[in-house]
Amino acid sequence: MPADLASRFRLALADPPRDLGRGFRRVGLRAVVADTNRVARRVDVPGEAVAEGFTWDDHDAATDRWWPQGITTSADAYGHDTGAGTFEGRDVLLTSWYAHGRFGRRLLGSRITVVVDIDGAAPVYRHVLLVEPVRVGPLHLLRPVRVHAGGIVWYGDHLFVAGSGAGIRVFRLDDITHVRNRVRARGYRYVLPQTSTYAAEQDTDHEPLTYSFLSLDRGTEADSLVAGEYGTKDSPTHRLVRFPLDRDTQLLRGDERGRSAALELHDGQPRMQGATLVGGTWAVTASAGEGRAGDLWVGRPGHLHRHRGVLPTGPEDVAHWPQRRQLWSLSEWPGRRWVFGIDVDPWVTPGRADQPAPGER
């Protein structure tokens, strides 16, 4: 769609960083990587397009309380060069979860999971609760971040979390905090406090955009944040947008008021759960309902090719991991929860999006 139409959708930076108050000790991501407490296991993941993957421990794989959604990696954070893309020399993967049900949403909100050693037989990980610092009189409280967290992007030290119709939440991984009193942190040893938000704005004659999922497009000259909108086949819109990122601030590039306008706006597909780019080629995951295999769409908006049923049931967000020449995604259904890699070749080949690949119908 024309750029002037895209620019009618904006994200406005709001809410300056809040103070956690006394009694909290910032330890950063490094502390969590060194203090994992759960063990996953490598498994054969169903799906013709799946090259490798793992599942969570028995509790996390089956719980109905927490549902996995978003995914991003140290390659997003630290560059796409062959020798880059690691956190202190290690491949690190982050996922997001939201607490299911009214009770869970209100009291628990959402969390991220830090996963390391993904190439081993038993990847290890730890959950970190997302919190919003608030002050009530003399008290400093930690309020749960109540978002669906359908997509996340790790960019430098910042973590962007999709906030549906409200916009995007922003966190700094250096702000991960060790909490002594776990009652305050709903039983979690580590929390990640929110630093700011990007509020969704649009011209009055346009339907508000839902920020359902996110990914990073790291270009040669400039980087951009990709966002997309989930909707069924009966929903009026299923849109994809792209916003400019500033490599220096590691935030969106905006005007003097902190407003960033979208650079591109495209029509996508019904039931999109994630979208990212490999070069100039889009790769989109789409769900088909519980128990039904997911789809992978590849190409350019308006001309996407459908690889029907080549993903596990319930595929969600997706991220490009160029050093591995893979996409990574994850699935959400209890008892069928996997984190998995998809080889870029032959499924997503830049410059060859119009040629059929295995599994194409």
Protein backbone atom coordinates (compact mmCIF):
# COMPACT_ATOMS: atom_id res chain seq x y z
CA MET A 1 0.00 0.00 0.00
CA PRO A 2 1.18 3.61 -0.51
CA ALA A 3 3.57 5.01 2.13
CA ASP A 4 1.21 7.89 2.91
CA LEU A 5 -1.46 5.37 3.93
CA ALA A 6 1.01 3.50 6.14
CA SER A 7 2.03 6.74 7.88
CA ARG A 8 -1.49 7.12 9.21
CA PHE A 9 -0.60 4.45 11.75
CA ARG A 10 1.76 5.57 14.51
CA LEU A 11 3.34 4.46 17.76
CA ALA A 12 3.83 7.20 20.36
CA LEU A 13 6.44 6.82 23.09
CA ALA A 14 4.96 7.39 26.54
CA ASP A 15 5.61 6.70 30.20
CA PRO A 16 9.20 7.52 31.26
CA PRO A 17 11.04 4.82 33.21
CA ARG A 18 9.68 4.22 36.69
CA ASP A 19 11.75 3.74 39.81
CA LEU A 20 11.58 0.31 41.42
CA GLY A 21 12.30 1.82 44.82
CA ARG A 22 14.57 0.39 47.47
CA GLY A 23 15.02 -3.27 48.22
CA PHE A 24 15.47 -4.41 44.62
CA ARG A 25 18.75 -5.48 43.05
CA ARG A 26 19.22 -5.23 39.28
CA VAL A 27 21.23 -8.17 38.00
CA GLY A 28 20.54 -8.20 34.25
CA LEU A 29 20.17 -11.05 31.78
CA ARG A 30 23.59 -12.42 32.64
CA ALA A 31 22.35 -13.55 36.06
CA VAL A 32 19.42 -15.48 34.60
CA VAL A 33 21.57 -17.21 31.98
CA ALA A 34 23.82 -18.40 34.83
CA ASP A 35 20.91 -19.44 37.06
CA THR A 36 18.59 -21.60 34.95
CA ASN A 37 16.41 -23.99 36.93
CA ARG A 38 14.36 -26.01 34.44
CA VAL A 39 15.32 -28.60 31.85
CA ALA A 40 13.75 -29.06 28.42
CA ARG A 41 14.42 -31.97 26.10
CA ARG A 42 15.19 -32.33 22.41
CA VAL A 43 12.42 -34.17 20.57
CA ASP A 44 11.21 -34.96 17.08
CA VAL A 45 8.69 -32.20 16.37
CA PRO A 46 5.84 -33.03 13.94
CA GLY A 47 5.65 -31.01 10.74
CA GLU A 48 7.16 -31.48 7.29
CA ALA A 49 8.96 -28.14 7.45
CA VAL A 50 10.45 -28.70 10.92
CA ALA A 51 14.19 -29.39 11.04
CA GLU A 52 14.76 -29.60 14.80
CA GLY A 53 13.25 -28.64 18.12
CA PHE A 54 12.59 -29.24 21.78
CA THR A 55 9.77 -29.31 24.28
CA TRP A 56 9.43 -27.88 27.79
CA ASP A 57 9.59 -29.84 31.04
CA ASP A 58 6.49 -31.89 31.86
CA HIS A 59 4.77 -29.15 33.87
CA ASP A 60 5.29 -26.34 31.35
CA ALA A 61 4.39 -28.59 28.42
CA ALA A 62 1.00 -29.45 29.93
CA THR A 63 -0.11 -26.52 32.10
CA ASP A 64 -3.32 -24.72 31.24
CA ARG A 65 -2.27 -21.70 33.33
CA TRP A 66 0.47 -20.39 30.99
CA TRP A 67 0.37 -20.32 27.18
CA PRO A 68 3.52 -19.68 25.05
CA GLN A 69 3.27 -17.03 22.32
CA GLY A 70 6.28 -14.94 21.25
CA ILE A 71 9.85 -15.76 20.25
CA THR A 72 13.10 -13.88 19.61
CA THR A 73 16.81 -14.71 19.78
CA SER A 74 20.23 -13.25 20.45
CA ALA A 75 20.58 -12.98 16.64
CA ASP A 76 17.84 -10.34 16.70
CA ALA A 77 19.61 -8.57 19.53
CA TYR A 78 23.18 -8.55 18.35
CA GLY A 79 23.28 -8.70 14.59
CA HIS A 80 22.99 -10.93 11.58
CA ASP A 81 26.69 -11.18 10.73
CA THR A 82 28.06 -14.71 10.71
CA GLY A 83 30.30 -14.00 13.70
CA ALA A 84 27.66 -12.12 15.67
CA GLY A 85 24.27 -12.92 17.13
CA THR A 86 25.25 -14.37 20.51
CA PHE A 87 24.95 -13.18 24.08
CA GLU A 88 28.39 -13.46 25.71
CA GLY A 89 29.31 -16.16 23.22
CA ARG A 90 26.13 -18.23 23.68
CA ASP A 91 23.03 -18.67 21.58
CA VAL A 92 20.11 -17.47 23.69
CA LEU A 93 16.44 -17.79 22.88
CA LEU A 94 13.60 -15.88 24.56
CA THR A 95 9.92 -16.77 24.49
CA SER A 96 6.86 -15.06 25.97
CA TRP A 97 3.81 -16.54 27.74
CA TYR A 98 0.51 -15.12 28.92
CA ALA A 99 -1.46 -16.33 31.93
CA HIS A 100 -4.69 -17.97 30.80
CA GLY A 101 -8.06 -17.23 32.37
CA ARG A 102 -9.40 -14.27 34.31
CA PHE A 103 -7.60 -15.23 37.53
CA GLY A 104 -4.27 -15.78 35.78
CA ARG A 105 -4.48 -12.62 33.71
CA ARG A 106 -5.25 -10.45 36.70
CA LEU A 107 -2.76 -11.90 39.19
CA LEU A 108 0.05 -13.17 36.96
CA GLY A 109 -0.08 -11.28 33.65
CA SER A 110 2.76 -12.37 31.36
CA ARG A 111 6.33 -13.63 31.50
CA ILE A 112 9.36 -14.39 29.37
CA THR A 113 11.54 -17.49 29.33
CA VAL A 114 15.31 -17.43 28.86
CA VAL A 115 16.58 -20.59 27.11
CA VAL A 116 20.22 -21.58 26.61
CA ASP A 117 22.05 -24.67 25.30
CA ILE A 118 19.38 -25.30 22.67
CA ASP A 119 21.70 -27.58 20.69
CA GLY A 120 22.21 -29.91 23.62
CA ALA A 121 20.09 -32.93 24.47
CA ALA A 122 18.58 -30.97 27.36
CA PRO A 123 18.25 -27.19 26.88
CA VAL A 124 17.94 -25.31 30.16
CA TYR A 125 15.77 -22.32 30.97
CA ARG A 126 14.17 -20.05 33.57
CA HIS A 127 11.00 -17.97 33.62
CA VAL A 128 11.08 -14.22 34.40
CA LEU A 129 7.88 -12.38 35.35
CA LEU A 130 7.07 -9.12 33.53
CA VAL A 131 6.04 -6.38 35.95
CA GLU A 132 5.06 -2.74 35.90
CA PRO A 133 6.43 -0.69 38.82
CA VAL A 134 3.75 1.48 40.42
CA ARG A 135 3.78 3.67 43.47
CA VAL A 136 0.84 3.88 45.87
CA GLY A 137 1.67 6.49 48.49
CA PRO A 138 4.96 5.40 50.11
CA LEU A 139 4.70 1.87 48.71
CA HIS A 140 6.48 0.61 45.61
CA LEU A 141 4.45 -2.20 44.07
CA LEU A 142 5.00 -4.64 41.21
CA ARG A 143 1.89 -4.89 39.07
CA PRO A 144 1.58 -7.74 36.54
CA VAL A 145 1.90 -6.74 32.89
CA ARG A 146 -1.46 -7.89 31.57
CA VAL A 147 -0.87 -8.38 27.85
CA HIS A 148 -1.27 -11.31 25.49
CA ALA A 149 2.44 -11.02 24.59
CA GLY A 150 1.78 -12.56 21.19
CA GLY A 151 5.13 -11.40 19.83
CA ILE A 152 8.48 -10.17 21.15
CA VAL A 153 11.65 -8.64 19.69
CA TRP A 154 15.01 -8.45 21.46
CA TYR A 155 16.91 -5.50 20.00
CA GLY A 156 20.16 -4.54 21.70
CA ASP A 157 19.28 -4.27 25.36
CA HIS A 158 15.59 -3.59 24.71
CA LEU A 159 12.74 -6.05 24.57
CA PHE A 160 9.58 -5.08 22.68
CA VAL A 161 6.42 -6.94 23.68
CA ALA A 162 3.22 -6.86 21.61
CA GLY A 163 0.37 -5.29 23.54
CA SER A 164 -2.57 -5.94 21.19
CA GLY A 165 -4.78 -2.88 20.66
CA ALA A 166 -2.88 -0.74 23.16
CA GLY A 167 0.41 -0.82 21.25
CA ILE A 168 3.79 -2.13 22.44
CA ARG A 169 5.44 -2.46 25.87
CA VAL A 170 9.19 -1.82 26.24
CA PHE A 171 11.65 -3.40 28.70
CA ARG A 172 15.43 -3.30 29.22
CA LEU A 173 17.04 -6.67 29.85
CA ASP A 174 19.73 -4.98 31.96
CA ASP A 175 16.87 -4.18 34.37
CA ILE A 176 16.14 -7.82 35.23
CA THR A 177 15.89 -7.75 39.00
CA HIS A 178 16.44 -10.34 41.72
CA VAL A 179 13.57 -10.31 44.23
CA ARG A 180 14.18 -11.60 47.74
CA ASN A 181 10.55 -11.54 48.81
CA ARG A 182 8.99 -13.86 46.24
CA VAL A 183 5.49 -13.12 47.51
CA ARG A 184 5.85 -9.70 45.89
CA ALA A 185 6.91 -11.40 42.66
CA ARG A 186 4.23 -14.14 42.60
CA GLY A 187 6.84 -16.76 43.44
CA TYR A 188 9.41 -15.72 40.83
CA ARG A 189 13.06 -15.15 41.69
CA TYR A 190 13.54 -12.69 38.82
CA VAL A 191 11.30 -9.98 37.40
CA LEU A 192 11.67 -7.67 34.42
CA PRO A 193 10.19 -4.20 35.04
CA GLN A 194 8.58 -2.26 32.22
CA THR A 195 10.36 0.96 31.29
CA SER A 196 7.98 2.56 28.80
CA THR A 197 5.21 1.99 26.27
CA TYR A 198 4.41 2.84 22.68
CA ALA A 199 0.75 3.79 22.48
CA ALA A 200 -1.07 2.88 19.28
CA GLU A 201 -2.42 5.80 17.26
CA GLN A 202 -4.10 6.11 13.87
CA ASP A 203 -5.98 8.68 11.85
CA THR A 204 -9.64 8.87 12.82
CA ASP A 205 -10.85 7.48 9.49
CA HIS A 206 -8.90 4.22 9.91
CA GLU A 207 -9.69 1.09 11.90
CA PRO A 208 -7.28 0.71 14.87
CA LEU A 209 -4.46 -1.75 14.30
CA THR A 210 -4.05 -4.71 16.66
CA TYR A 211 -0.40 -5.45 17.50
CA SER A 212 -0.72 -9.22 17.73
CA PHE A 213 2.87 -10.27 16.94
CA LEU A 214 6.30 -8.78 16.25
CA SER A 215 9.58 -9.53 14.51
CA LEU A 216 12.82 -7.80 13.50
CA ASP A 217 13.98 -7.07 9.98
CA ARG A 218 17.67 -6.25 10.24
CA GLY A 219 18.63 -4.61 6.96
CA THR A 220 22.01 -3.56 5.56
CA GLU A 221 21.31 0.15 5.93
CA ALA A 222 18.46 0.33 8.44
CA ASP A 223 16.50 -1.95 10.76
CA SER A 224 12.77 -2.12 11.23
CA LEU A 225 10.20 -3.52 13.61
CA VAL A 226 7.57 -5.66 11.89
CA ALA A 227 4.13 -6.01 13.47
CA GLY A 228 1.08 -7.93 12.39
CA GLU A 229 -2.57 -8.40 13.18
CA TYR A 230 -4.29 -11.69 13.92
CA GLY A 231 -7.81 -12.19 12.63
CA THR A 232 -10.06 -14.99 11.42
CA LYS A 233 -11.28 -15.22 7.83
CA ASP A 234 -14.35 -13.23 8.90
CA SER A 235 -12.30 -10.40 10.46
CA PRO A 236 -12.32 -7.14 8.47
CA THR A 237 -8.52 -6.71 8.50
CA HIS A 238 -5.34 -8.83 8.68
CA ARG A 239 -2.58 -6.25 8.32
CA LEU A 240 1.22 -6.17 8.39
CA VAL A 241 3.20 -2.99 9.18
CA ARG A 242 6.82 -1.97 9.45
CA PHE A 243 8.29 0.77 11.69
CA PRO A 244 11.83 2.24 11.53
CA LEU A 245 14.31 1.44 14.31
CA ASP A 246 17.21 3.58 15.50
CA ARG A 247 20.40 1.54 15.92
CA ASP A 248 21.85 4.08 18.35
CA THR A 249 18.96 4.36 20.82
CA GLN A 250 17.68 0.81 20.14
CA LEU A 251 14.16 2.27 20.08
CA LEU A 252 11.82 3.29 17.29
CA ARG A 253 12.97 6.22 15.20
CA GLY A 254 10.49 9.02 15.65
CA ASP A 255 9.91 12.76 15.58
CA GLU A 256 10.68 15.25 18.34
CA ARG A 257 7.49 14.19 20.16
CA GLY A 258 8.47 10.54 20.17
CA ARG A 259 5.98 9.50 17.48
CA SER A 260 7.02 6.91 14.92
CA ALA A 261 5.03 6.51 11.70
CA ALA A 262 4.75 3.20 9.88
CA LEU A 263 6.82 2.90 6.70
CA GLU A 264 4.80 0.13 5.07
CA LEU A 265 1.31 -1.30 5.37
CA HIS A 266 0.23 -4.56 3.73
CA ASP A 267 -2.71 -6.93 3.68
CA GLY A 268 -1.79 -10.30 5.14
CA GLN A 269 -3.57 -13.61 5.64
CA PRO A 270 -6.36 -14.79 7.95
CA ARG A 271 -5.17 -16.52 11.14
CA MET A 272 -1.64 -15.09 10.92
CA GLN A 273 0.28 -15.76 14.13
CA GLY A 274 3.72 -14.49 13.18
CA ALA A 275 5.58 -12.86 10.29
CA THR A 276 9.21 -12.08 9.56
CA LEU A 277 11.47 -11.39 6.59
CA VAL A 278 14.40 -13.26 5.09
CA GLY A 279 16.00 -10.73 2.80
CA GLY A 280 12.98 -9.36 0.98
CA THR A 281 10.91 -12.53 1.36
CA TRP A 282 8.12 -12.71 3.92
CA ALA A 283 7.53 -15.84 5.99
CA VAL A 284 4.19 -16.03 7.79
CA THR A 285 2.93 -18.68 10.22
CA ALA A 286 -0.81 -19.34 10.37
CA SER A 287 -2.85 -21.56 12.64
CA ALA A 288 -5.79 -23.76 11.68
CA GLY A 289 -7.31 -24.65 15.06
CA GLU A 290 -6.49 -27.18 17.76
CA GLY A 291 -5.32 -30.50 16.43
CA ARG A 292 -4.85 -29.19 12.88
CA ALA A 293 -1.42 -28.66 11.36
CA GLY A 294 -0.37 -25.06 10.78
CA ASP A 295 0.56 -23.37 7.52
CA LEU A 296 3.67 -21.54 6.34
CA TRP A 297 3.10 -18.74 3.82
CA VAL A 298 6.10 -17.47 1.84
CA GLY A 299 6.59 -14.68 -0.67
CA ARG A 300 5.47 -11.07 -0.69
CA PRO A 301 2.19 -9.59 0.59
CA GLY A 302 -0.54 -10.12 -1.97
CA HIS A 303 1.47 -12.94 -3.56
CA LEU A 304 2.12 -15.34 -0.67
CA HIS A 305 2.43 -19.06 -1.44
CA ARG A 306 0.83 -21.45 1.02
CA HIS A 307 2.68 -24.50 2.32
CA ARG A 308 -0.36 -26.19 3.76
CA GLY A 309 -0.11 -28.19 6.98
CA VAL A 310 3.71 -28.26 7.22
CA LEU A 311 3.90 -26.86 10.76
CA PRO A 312 2.79 -28.29 14.12
CA THR A 313 -0.67 -27.48 15.39
CA GLY A 314 -0.92 -24.06 17.03
CA PRO A 315 2.13 -22.26 15.52
CA GLU A 316 2.71 -18.80 16.95
CA ASP A 317 5.30 -16.03 16.52
CA VAL A 318 8.34 -16.50 14.26
CA ALA A 319 11.90 -15.11 14.17
CA HIS A 320 14.69 -15.29 11.59
CA TRP A 321 17.98 -16.79 12.87
CA PRO A 322 20.39 -16.11 9.98
CA GLN A 323 23.50 -17.69 11.50
CA ARG A 324 21.63 -21.00 11.58
CA ARG A 325 19.89 -20.32 8.26
CA GLN A 326 16.62 -21.02 10.01
CA LEU A 327 13.33 -19.60 11.18
CA TRP A 328 12.35 -20.38 14.77
CA SER A 329 8.79 -20.62 16.01
CA LEU A 330 6.79 -22.28 18.78
CA SER A 331 3.38 -23.86 19.36
CA GLU A 332 0.87 -23.19 22.12
CA TRP A 333 -1.52 -26.08 22.80
CA PRO A 334 -1.08 -27.95 26.14
CA GLY A 335 0.47 -31.36 25.52
CA ARG A 336 1.63 -30.25 22.05
CA ARG A 337 4.08 -27.48 22.87
CA TRP A 338 7.27 -27.35 20.87
CA VAL A 339 9.96 -24.79 20.04
CA PHE A 340 11.29 -25.55 16.60
CA GLY A 341 13.56 -24.53 13.73
CA ILE A 342 12.66 -24.43 10.02
CA ASP A 343 15.48 -24.50 7.48
CA VAL A 344 15.45 -21.40 5.27
CA ASP A 345 16.54 -23.64 2.39
CA PRO A 346 14.42 -24.91 0.77
CA TRP A 347 11.34 -23.43 2.49
CA VAL A 348 12.22 -19.72 2.37
CA THR A 349 14.74 -18.77 -0.30
CA PRO A 350 15.27 -15.05 -0.97
CA GLY A 351 14.74 -14.19 -4.60
CA ARG A 352 12.96 -17.46 -5.32
CA ALA A 353 9.63 -16.83 -3.65
CA ASP A 354 7.74 -17.53 -6.87
CA GLN A 355 9.19 -21.03 -7.22
CA PRO A 356 7.49 -23.97 -5.51
CA ALA A 357 9.13 -25.59 -2.51
CA PRO A 358 8.57 -28.94 -0.78
CA GLY A 359 5.14 -29.11 0.79
CA GLU A 360 3.60 -26.43 -1.45
CA ARG A 361 0.07 -27.12 -2.61
